[in-house]
PDB file of N, CA and C in Angstrom:
ATOM      1  N   MET A   1     140.657  91.435 104.244  1.00  0.00           N
ATOM      2  CA  MET A   1     139.971  92.210 105.163  1.00  0.00           C
ATOM      3  C   MET A   1     138.620  92.777 104.607  1.00  0.00           C
ATOM      4  N   LYS A   2     138.768  93.268 103.369  1.00  0.00           N
ATOM      5  CA  LYS A   2     137.506  93.815 102.661  1.00  0.00           C
ATOM      6  C   LYS A   2     136.390  92.721 102.488  1.00  0.00           C
ATOM      7  N   ILE A   3     136.873  91.514 102.192  1.00  0.00           N
ATOM      8  CA  ILE A   3     135.917  90.447 102.060  1.00  0.00           C
ATOM      9  C   ILE A   3     135.233  90.167 103.298  1.00  0.00           C
ATOM     10  N   PHE A   4     135.999  90.187 104.503  1.00  0.00           N
ATOM     11  CA  PHE A   4     135.352  89.963 105.877  1.00  0.00           C
ATOM     12  C   PHE A   4     134.258  90.994 106.129  1.00  0.00           C
ATOM     13  N   ILE A   5     134.714  92.223 105.836  1.00  0.00           N
ATOM     14  CA  ILE A   5     133.736  93.392 106.095  1.00  0.00           C
ATOM     15  C   ILE A   5     132.530  93.280 105.204  1.00  0.00           C
ATOM     16  N   LEU A   6     132.670  92.921 104.004  1.00  0.00           N
ATOM     17  CA  LEU A   6     131.628  92.746 103.084  1.00  0.00           C
ATOM     18  C   LEU A   6     130.631  91.574 103.472  1.00  0.00           C
ATOM     19  N   LYS A   7     131.279  90.499 103.995  1.00  0.00           N
ATOM     20  CA  LYS A   7     130.403  89.344 104.446  1.00  0.00           C
ATOM     21  C   LYS A   7     129.660  89.694 105.690  1.00  0.00           C
ATOM     22  N   ARG A   8     130.290  90.539 106.622  1.00  0.00           N
ATOM     23  CA  ARG A   8     129.542  91.020 107.792  1.00  0.00           C
ATOM     24  C   ARG A   8     128.452  91.910 107.521  1.00  0.00           C
ATOM     25  N   ALA A   9     128.698  92.791 106.519  1.00  0.00           N
ATOM     26  CA  ALA A   9     127.708  93.726 106.111  1.00  0.00           C
ATOM     27  C   ALA A   9     126.507  93.050 105.510  1.00  0.00           C
ATOM     28  N   ALA A  10     126.799  91.944 104.658  1.00  0.00           N
ATOM     29  CA  ALA A  10     125.795  91.185 104.031  1.00  0.00           C
ATOM     30  C   ALA A  10     124.828  90.443 105.130  1.00  0.00           C
ATOM     31  N   PHE A  11     125.299  90.226 106.270  1.00  0.00           N
ATOM     32  CA  PHE A  11     124.499  89.565 107.253  1.00  0.00           C
ATOM     33  C   PHE A  11     123.700  90.527 108.179  1.00  0.00           C
ATOM     34  N   ILE A  12     124.161  91.856 108.118  1.00  0.00           N
ATOM     35  CA  ILE A  12     123.461  92.734 108.914  1.00  0.00           C
ATOM     36  C   ILE A  12     121.950  92.987 108.456  1.00  0.00           C
ATOM     37  N   LEU A  13     121.746  93.102 107.245  1.00  0.00           N
ATOM     38  CA  LEU A  13     120.337  93.377 106.750  1.00  0.00           C
ATOM     39  C   LEU A  13     119.465  92.290 107.054  1.00  0.00           C
ATOM     40  N   PRO A  14     119.675  91.011 106.787  1.00  0.00           N
ATOM     41  CA  PRO A  14     118.773  89.968 107.148  1.00  0.00           C
ATOM     42  C   PRO A  14     118.553  89.907 108.689  1.00  0.00           C
ATOM     43  N   GLN A  15     119.532  90.144 109.469  1.00  0.00           N
ATOM     44  CA  GLN A  15     119.346  90.193 110.870  1.00  0.00           C
ATOM     45  C   GLN A  15     118.536  91.339 111.399  1.00  0.00           C
ATOM     46  N   LEU A  16     118.736  92.452 110.867  1.00  0.00           N
ATOM     47  CA  LEU A  16     117.873  93.587 111.263  1.00  0.00           C
ATOM     48  C   LEU A  16     116.462  93.384 110.789  1.00  0.00           C
ATOM     49  N   PHE A  17     116.274  92.718 109.625  1.00  0.00           N
ATOM     50  CA  PHE A  17     114.888  92.362 109.256  1.00  0.00           C
ATOM     51  C   PHE A  17     114.268  91.484 110.154  1.00  0.00           C
ATOM     52  N   LEU A  18     115.009  90.453 110.592  1.00  0.00           N
ATOM     53  CA  LEU A  18     114.439  89.389 111.401  1.00  0.00           C
ATOM     54  C   LEU A  18     114.088  90.074 112.796  1.00  0.00           C
ATOM     55  N   VAL A  19     114.928  90.916 113.333  1.00  0.00           N
ATOM     56  CA  VAL A  19     114.723  91.532 114.666  1.00  0.00           C
ATOM     57  C   VAL A  19     113.417  92.366 114.490  1.00  0.00           C
ATOM     58  N   ALA A  20     113.277  93.109 113.421  1.00  0.00           N
ATOM     59  CA  ALA A  20     112.131  93.977 113.299  1.00  0.00           C
ATOM     60  C   ALA A  20     110.832  93.190 113.192  1.00  0.00           C
ATOM     61  N   VAL A  21     110.818  92.069 112.563  1.00  0.00           N
ATOM     62  CA  VAL A  21     109.652  91.168 112.377  1.00  0.00           C
ATOM     63  C   VAL A  21     109.325  90.635 113.834  1.00  0.00           C
ATOM     64  N   VAL A  22     110.412  90.220 114.561  1.00  0.00           N
ATOM     65  CA  VAL A  22     110.125  89.623 115.821  1.00  0.00           C
ATOM     66  C   VAL A  22     109.495  90.621 116.799  1.00  0.00           C
ATOM     67  N   VAL A  23     109.995  91.830 116.716  1.00  0.00           N
ATOM     68  CA  VAL A  23     109.527  92.946 117.565  1.00  0.00           C
ATOM     69  C   VAL A  23     108.100  93.287 117.200  1.00  0.00           C
ATOM     70  N   PHE A  24     107.708  93.271 115.890  1.00  0.00           N
ATOM     71  CA  PHE A  24     106.413  93.621 115.439  1.00  0.00           C
ATOM     72  C   PHE A  24     105.435  92.442 115.967  1.00  0.00           C
ATOM     73  N   LEU A  25     105.948  91.124 115.881  1.00  0.00           N
ATOM     74  CA  LEU A  25     105.057  90.059 116.339  1.00  0.00           C
ATOM     75  C   LEU A  25     104.889  90.058 117.857  1.00  0.00           C
ATOM     76  N   LEU A  26     106.002  90.450 118.606  1.00  0.00           N
ATOM     77  CA  LEU A  26     105.746  90.632 119.982  1.00  0.00           C
ATOM     78  C   LEU A  26     104.808  91.641 120.424  1.00  0.00           C
ATOM     79  N   LEU A  27     104.830  92.823 119.670  1.00  0.00           N
ATOM     80  CA  LEU A  27     103.928  93.749 119.853  1.00  0.00           C
ATOM     81  C   LEU A  27     102.348  93.393 119.643  1.00  0.00           C
ATOM     82  N   ARG A  28     102.274  92.454 118.733  1.00  0.00           N
ATOM     83  CA  ARG A  28     100.926  92.022 118.422  1.00  0.00           C
ATOM     84  C   ARG A  28     100.390  90.984 119.379  1.00  0.00           C
ATOM     85  N   VAL A  29     101.416  90.164 120.026  1.00  0.00           N
ATOM     86  CA  VAL A  29     101.044  89.140 120.878  1.00  0.00           C
ATOM     87  C   VAL A  29     100.782  89.686 122.361  1.00  0.00           C
ATOM     88  N   LEU A  30     101.582  90.633 122.760  1.00  0.00           N
ATOM     89  CA  LEU A  30     101.448  91.172 124.160  1.00  0.00           C
ATOM     90  C   LEU A  30     100.131  91.852 124.389  1.00  0.00           C
ATOM     91  N   PRO A  31      99.589  91.726 125.673  1.00  0.00           N
ATOM     92  CA  PRO A  31      98.269  92.294 125.920  1.00  0.00           C
ATOM     93  C   PRO A  31      98.279  93.833 125.993  1.00  0.00           C
ATOM     94  N   ILE A  32      98.692  94.407 125.017  1.00  0.00           N
ATOM     95  CA  ILE A  32      98.716  96.026 124.951  1.00  0.00           C
ATOM     96  C   ILE A  32      97.506  96.374 124.086  1.00  0.00           C
ATOM     97  N   ASP A  33      96.680  97.370 124.577  1.00  0.00           N
ATOM     98  CA  ASP A  33      95.621  97.861 123.816  1.00  0.00           C
ATOM     99  C   ASP A  33      95.836  99.226 123.613  1.00  0.00           C
ATOM    100  N   PRO A  34      96.432  99.735 122.550  1.00  0.00           N
ATOM    101  CA  PRO A  34      96.695 101.113 122.354  1.00  0.00           C
ATOM    102  C   PRO A  34      95.369 101.900 122.098  1.00  0.00           C
ATOM    103  N   VAL A  35      94.281 101.275 121.669  1.00  0.00           N
ATOM    104  CA  VAL A  35      93.072 102.015 121.575  1.00  0.00           C
ATOM    105  C   VAL A  35      92.427 102.444 122.973  1.00  0.00           C
ATOM    106  N   SER A  36      92.585 101.474 123.909  1.00  0.00           N
ATOM    107  CA  SER A  36      92.102 101.798 125.246  1.00  0.00           C
ATOM    108  C   SER A  36      92.929 103.090 125.879  1.00  0.00           C
ATOM    109  N   LYS A  37      94.279 103.010 125.573  1.00  0.00           N
ATOM    110  CA  LYS A  37      95.201 104.082 126.047  1.00  0.00           C
ATOM    111  C   LYS A  37      94.737 105.378 125.388  1.00  0.00           C
ATOM    112  N   MET A  38      94.322 105.415 124.214  1.00  0.00           N
ATOM    113  CA  MET A  38      93.964 106.654 123.536  1.00  0.00           C
ATOM    114  C   MET A  38      92.589 107.212 123.984  1.00  0.00           C
ATOM    115  N   VAL A  39      91.497 106.258 123.963  1.00  0.00           N
ATOM    116  CA  VAL A  39      90.202 106.761 124.253  1.00  0.00           C
ATOM    117  C   VAL A  39      89.755 106.510 125.601  1.00  0.00           C
ATOM    118  N   GLY A  40      90.506 105.678 126.428  1.00  0.00           N
ATOM    119  CA  GLY A  40      90.142 105.363 127.720  1.00  0.00           C
ATOM    120  C   GLY A  40      89.293 104.074 127.743  1.00  0.00           C
ATOM    121  N   LEU A  41      89.051 103.505 128.832  1.00  0.00           N
ATOM    122  CA  LEU A  41      88.268 102.331 128.980  1.00  0.00           C
ATOM    123  C   LEU A  41      86.823 102.484 128.736  1.00  0.00           C
ATOM    124  N   VAL A  42      86.395 103.727 128.890  1.00  0.00           N
ATOM    125  CA  VAL A  42      84.888 103.982 128.772  1.00  0.00           C
ATOM    126  C   VAL A  42      84.662 104.668 127.478  1.00  0.00           C
ATOM    127  N   GLY A  43      85.503 104.585 126.414  1.00  0.00           N
ATOM    128  CA  GLY A  43      85.312 105.271 125.168  1.00  0.00           C
ATOM    129  C   GLY A  43      84.113 104.696 124.444  1.00  0.00           C
ATOM    130  N   THR A  44      83.429 105.498 123.729  1.00  0.00           N
ATOM    131  CA  THR A  44      82.371 104.981 122.849  1.00  0.00           C
ATOM    132  C   THR A  44      82.923 104.168 121.771  1.00  0.00           C
ATOM    133  N   PRO A  45      82.063 103.191 121.275  1.00  0.00           N
ATOM    134  CA  PRO A  45      82.417 102.389 120.135  1.00  0.00           C
ATOM    135  C   PRO A  45      82.896 103.219 118.901  1.00  0.00           C
ATOM    136  N   GLU A  46      82.197 104.294 118.656  1.00  0.00           N
ATOM    137  CA  GLU A  46      82.629 105.268 117.574  1.00  0.00           C
ATOM    138  C   GLU A  46      84.010 105.697 117.768  1.00  0.00           C
ATOM    139  N   ALA A  47      84.306 106.163 118.998  1.00  0.00           N
ATOM    140  CA  ALA A  47      85.618 106.731 119.340  1.00  0.00           C
ATOM    141  C   ALA A  47      86.668 105.642 119.204  1.00  0.00           C
ATOM    142  N   ARG A  48      86.370 104.416 119.599  1.00  0.00           N
ATOM    143  CA  ARG A  48      87.236 103.310 119.517  1.00  0.00           C
ATOM    144  C   ARG A  48      87.581 102.953 118.108  1.00  0.00           C
ATOM    145  N   GLU A  49      86.512 103.004 117.194  1.00  0.00           N
ATOM    146  CA  GLU A  49      86.780 102.832 115.837  1.00  0.00           C
ATOM    147  C   GLU A  49      87.586 103.838 115.083  1.00  0.00           C
ATOM    148  N   ILE A  50      87.444 105.061 115.474  1.00  0.00           N
ATOM    149  CA  ILE A  50      88.207 106.204 114.952  1.00  0.00           C
ATOM    150  C   ILE A  50      89.691 105.976 115.361  1.00  0.00           C
ATOM    151  N   ALA A  51      89.954 105.666 116.652  1.00  0.00           N
ATOM    152  CA  ALA A  51      91.234 105.433 117.107  1.00  0.00           C
ATOM    153  C   ALA A  51      91.945 104.278 116.373  1.00  0.00           C
ATOM    154  N   ARG A  52      91.190 103.117 116.215  1.00  0.00           N
ATOM    155  CA  ARG A  52      91.646 101.986 115.488  1.00  0.00           C
ATOM    156  C   ARG A  52      92.173 102.423 114.008  1.00  0.00           C
ATOM    157  N   LYS A  53      91.374 103.288 113.402  1.00  0.00           N
ATOM    158  CA  LYS A  53      91.690 103.738 112.052  1.00  0.00           C
ATOM    159  C   LYS A  53      92.922 104.621 112.100  1.00  0.00           C
ATOM    160  N   ASP A  54      92.956 105.570 113.040  1.00  0.00           N
ATOM    161  CA  ASP A  54      94.044 106.391 113.270  1.00  0.00           C
ATOM    162  C   ASP A  54      95.451 105.668 113.486  1.00  0.00           C
ATOM    163  N   LEU A  55      95.340 104.537 114.213  1.00  0.00           N
ATOM    164  CA  LEU A  55      96.460 103.748 114.462  1.00  0.00           C
ATOM    165  C   LEU A  55      96.798 102.798 113.444  1.00  0.00           C
ATOM    166  N   GLY A  56      96.019 102.629 112.398  1.00  0.00           N
ATOM    167  CA  GLY A  56      96.211 101.699 111.251  1.00  0.00           C
ATOM    168  C   GLY A  56      95.896 100.420 111.774  1.00  0.00           C
ATOM    169  N   LEU A  57      95.163 100.023 112.713  1.00  0.00           N
ATOM    170  CA  LEU A  57      94.737  98.699 113.137  1.00  0.00           C
ATOM    171  C   LEU A  57      93.532  98.093 112.477  1.00  0.00           C
ATOM    172  N   ASP A  58      92.945  98.945 111.497  1.00  0.00           N
ATOM    173  CA  ASP A  58      91.807  98.516 110.741  1.00  0.00           C
ATOM    174  C   ASP A  58      92.128  97.743 109.542  1.00  0.00           C
ATOM    175  N   VAL A  59      93.480  97.496 109.262  1.00  0.00           N
ATOM    176  CA  VAL A  59      93.896  96.824 108.015  1.00  0.00           C
ATOM    177  C   VAL A  59      94.528  95.374 108.484  1.00  0.00           C
ATOM    178  N   GLY A  60      94.880  94.632 107.552  1.00  0.00           N
ATOM    179  CA  GLY A  60      95.457  93.286 107.923  1.00  0.00           C
ATOM    180  C   GLY A  60      96.787  93.349 108.508  1.00  0.00           C
ATOM    181  N   VAL A  61      97.184  92.243 109.129  1.00  0.00           N
ATOM    182  CA  VAL A  61      98.432  92.289 109.883  1.00  0.00           C
ATOM    183  C   VAL A  61      99.621  92.418 108.794  1.00  0.00           C
ATOM    184  N   SER A  62      99.486  91.888 107.568  1.00  0.00           N
ATOM    185  CA  SER A  62     100.486  91.976 106.659  1.00  0.00           C
ATOM    186  C   SER A  62     100.745  93.397 106.178  1.00  0.00           C
ATOM    187  N   THR A  63      99.709  94.212 106.078  1.00  0.00           N
ATOM    188  CA  THR A  63      99.803  95.515 105.725  1.00  0.00           C
ATOM    189  C   THR A  63     100.406  96.327 106.898  1.00  0.00           C
ATOM    190  N   GLN A  64      99.977  95.960 108.130  1.00  0.00           N
ATOM    191  CA  GLN A  64     100.579  96.640 109.327  1.00  0.00           C
ATOM    192  C   GLN A  64     102.042  96.327 109.350  1.00  0.00           C
ATOM    193  N   LEU A  65     102.523  95.155 109.039  1.00  0.00           N
ATOM    194  CA  LEU A  65     103.870  94.782 109.109  1.00  0.00           C
ATOM    195  C   LEU A  65     104.702  95.641 108.045  1.00  0.00           C
ATOM    196  N   GLY A  66     104.006  95.775 106.859  1.00  0.00           N
ATOM    197  CA  GLY A  66     104.618  96.571 105.760  1.00  0.00           C
ATOM    198  C   GLY A  66     104.875  97.960 106.153  1.00  0.00           C
ATOM    199  N   ARG A  67     103.887  98.586 106.868  1.00  0.00           N
ATOM    200  CA  ARG A  67     103.906  99.932 107.301  1.00  0.00           C
ATOM    201  C   ARG A  67     104.948 100.091 108.373  1.00  0.00           C
ATOM    202  N   PHE A  68     105.066  99.039 109.242  1.00  0.00           N
ATOM    203  CA  PHE A  68     106.027  99.023 110.373  1.00  0.00           C
ATOM    204  C   PHE A  68     107.375  99.106 109.769  1.00  0.00           C
ATOM    205  N   LEU A  69     107.678  98.216 108.885  1.00  0.00           N
ATOM    206  CA  LEU A  69     108.984  98.172 108.197  1.00  0.00           C
ATOM    207  C   LEU A  69     109.333  99.426 107.466  1.00  0.00           C
ATOM    208  N   GLU A  70     108.337  99.998 106.744  1.00  0.00           N
ATOM    209  CA  GLU A  70     108.526 101.072 106.003  1.00  0.00           C
ATOM    210  C   GLU A  70     108.906 102.348 106.850  1.00  0.00           C
ATOM    211  N   GLY A  71     108.211 102.390 108.073  1.00  0.00           N
ATOM    212  CA  GLY A  71     108.456 103.413 109.066  1.00  0.00           C
ATOM    213  C   GLY A  71     109.877 103.315 109.600  1.00  0.00           C
ATOM    214  N   LEU A  72     110.311 102.068 109.785  1.00  0.00           N
ATOM    215  CA  LEU A  72     111.673 101.875 110.323  1.00  0.00           C
ATOM    216  C   LEU A  72     112.760 102.326 109.308  1.00  0.00           C
ATOM    217  N   VAL A  73     112.467 101.986 107.984  1.00  0.00           N
ATOM    218  CA  VAL A  73     113.416 102.346 106.985  1.00  0.00           C
ATOM    219  C   VAL A  73     113.435 103.899 106.773  1.00  0.00           C
ATOM    220  N   THR A  74     112.235 104.475 106.835  1.00  0.00           N
ATOM    221  CA  THR A  74     112.206 106.033 106.519  1.00  0.00           C
ATOM    222  C   THR A  74     112.391 106.816 107.772  1.00  0.00           C
ATOM    223  N   GLY A  75     112.516 106.197 108.935  1.00  0.00           N
ATOM    224  CA  GLY A  75     112.731 106.958 110.109  1.00  0.00           C
ATOM    225  C   GLY A  75     111.409 107.647 110.672  1.00  0.00           C
ATOM    226  N   GLN A  76     110.325 107.357 110.134  1.00  0.00           N
ATOM    227  CA  GLN A  76     108.941 107.735 110.604  1.00  0.00           C
ATOM    228  C   GLN A  76     108.340 106.695 111.638  1.00  0.00           C
ATOM    229  N   PHE A  77     108.620 106.930 112.936  1.00  0.00           N
ATOM    230  CA  PHE A  77     108.209 105.981 113.949  1.00  0.00           C
ATOM    231  C   PHE A  77     106.890 106.225 114.586  1.00  0.00           C
ATOM    232  N   GLY A  78     106.148 107.262 114.026  1.00  0.00           N
ATOM    233  CA  GLY A  78     104.744 107.512 114.494  1.00  0.00           C
ATOM    234  C   GLY A  78     104.716 108.516 115.596  1.00  0.00           C
ATOM    235  N   THR A  79     103.644 108.441 116.325  1.00  0.00           N
ATOM    236  CA  THR A  79     103.392 109.411 117.529  1.00  0.00           C
ATOM    237  C   THR A  79     103.306 108.650 118.858  1.00  0.00           C
ATOM    238  N   SER A  80     103.848 109.143 119.807  1.00  0.00           N
ATOM    239  CA  SER A  80     103.890 108.580 121.167  1.00  0.00           C
ATOM    240  C   SER A  80     102.415 108.527 121.576  1.00  0.00           C
ATOM    241  N   TRP A  81     102.041 107.423 122.270  1.00  0.00           N
ATOM    242  CA  TRP A  81     100.694 107.375 122.766  1.00  0.00           C
ATOM    243  C   TRP A  81     100.554 108.209 123.991  1.00  0.00           C
ATOM    244  N   SER A  82     101.578 108.415 124.817  1.00  0.00           N
ATOM    245  CA  SER A  82     101.444 109.100 126.082  1.00  0.00           C
ATOM    246  C   SER A  82     101.667 110.603 125.894  1.00  0.00           C
ATOM    247  N   THR A  83     102.660 110.977 125.116  1.00  0.00           N
ATOM    248  CA  THR A  83     102.892 112.467 124.911  1.00  0.00           C
ATOM    249  C   THR A  83     102.407 113.085 123.690  1.00  0.00           C
ATOM    250  N   LYS A  84     101.992 112.303 122.745  1.00  0.00           N
ATOM    251  CA  LYS A  84     101.373 112.814 121.483  1.00  0.00           C
ATOM    252  C   LYS A  84     102.421 113.477 120.617  1.00  0.00           C
ATOM    253  N   ASP A  85     103.731 113.360 120.998  1.00  0.00           N
ATOM    254  CA  ASP A  85     104.806 113.974 120.220  1.00  0.00           C
ATOM    255  C   ASP A  85     105.422 112.926 119.318  1.00  0.00           C
ATOM    256  N   PRO A  86     106.123 113.216 118.228  1.00  0.00           N
ATOM    257  CA  PRO A  86     106.602 112.286 117.206  1.00  0.00           C
ATOM    258  C   PRO A  86     107.819 111.469 118.114  1.00  0.00           C
ATOM    259  N   VAL A  87     107.646 110.193 117.943  1.00  0.00           N
ATOM    260  CA  VAL A  87     108.693 109.301 118.602  1.00  0.00           C
ATOM    261  C   VAL A  87     110.075 109.588 118.129  1.00  0.00           C
ATOM    262  N   ARG A  88     110.190 109.982 116.945  1.00  0.00           N
ATOM    263  CA  ARG A  88     111.667 110.326 116.407  1.00  0.00           C
ATOM    264  C   ARG A  88     112.234 111.406 117.264  1.00  0.00           C
ATOM    265  N   ASP A  89     111.357 112.500 117.577  1.00  0.00           N
ATOM    266  CA  ASP A  89     111.802 113.584 118.334  1.00  0.00           C
ATOM    267  C   ASP A  89     112.277 113.106 119.681  1.00  0.00           C
ATOM    268  N   GLU A  90     111.431 112.220 120.243  1.00  0.00           N
ATOM    269  CA  GLU A  90     111.698 111.694 121.633  1.00  0.00           C
ATOM    270  C   GLU A  90     112.919 110.909 121.682  1.00  0.00           C
ATOM    271  N   ILE A  91     113.263 110.168 120.623  1.00  0.00           N
ATOM    272  CA  ILE A  91     114.549 109.372 120.570  1.00  0.00           C
ATOM    273  C   ILE A  91     115.726 110.237 120.508  1.00  0.00           C
ATOM    274  N   VAL A  92     115.613 111.323 119.654  1.00  0.00           N
ATOM    275  CA  VAL A  92     116.737 112.275 119.469  1.00  0.00           C
ATOM    276  C   VAL A  92     116.959 113.057 120.806  1.00  0.00           C
TER     277      VAL A  92
END
């Protein structure tokens, strides 16, 4: 029974990693523009660039993925685009 539980536990981490990577990639592919949500459609180029930097979109995709996975592991899910509250507090 212990071996069965250990085998199942060994499969959980790779599966969670795969699901997290797929979710990240879906968020990158979907036509969602968080910058427009933050500054509006008529925001100035300077405001858009500041929003991109605040959201961490000014770095490469691999760095973004690393930050995404780090946030999942540490429980720091960022700030809600609509309410500006920490997402962790909204989940709880």
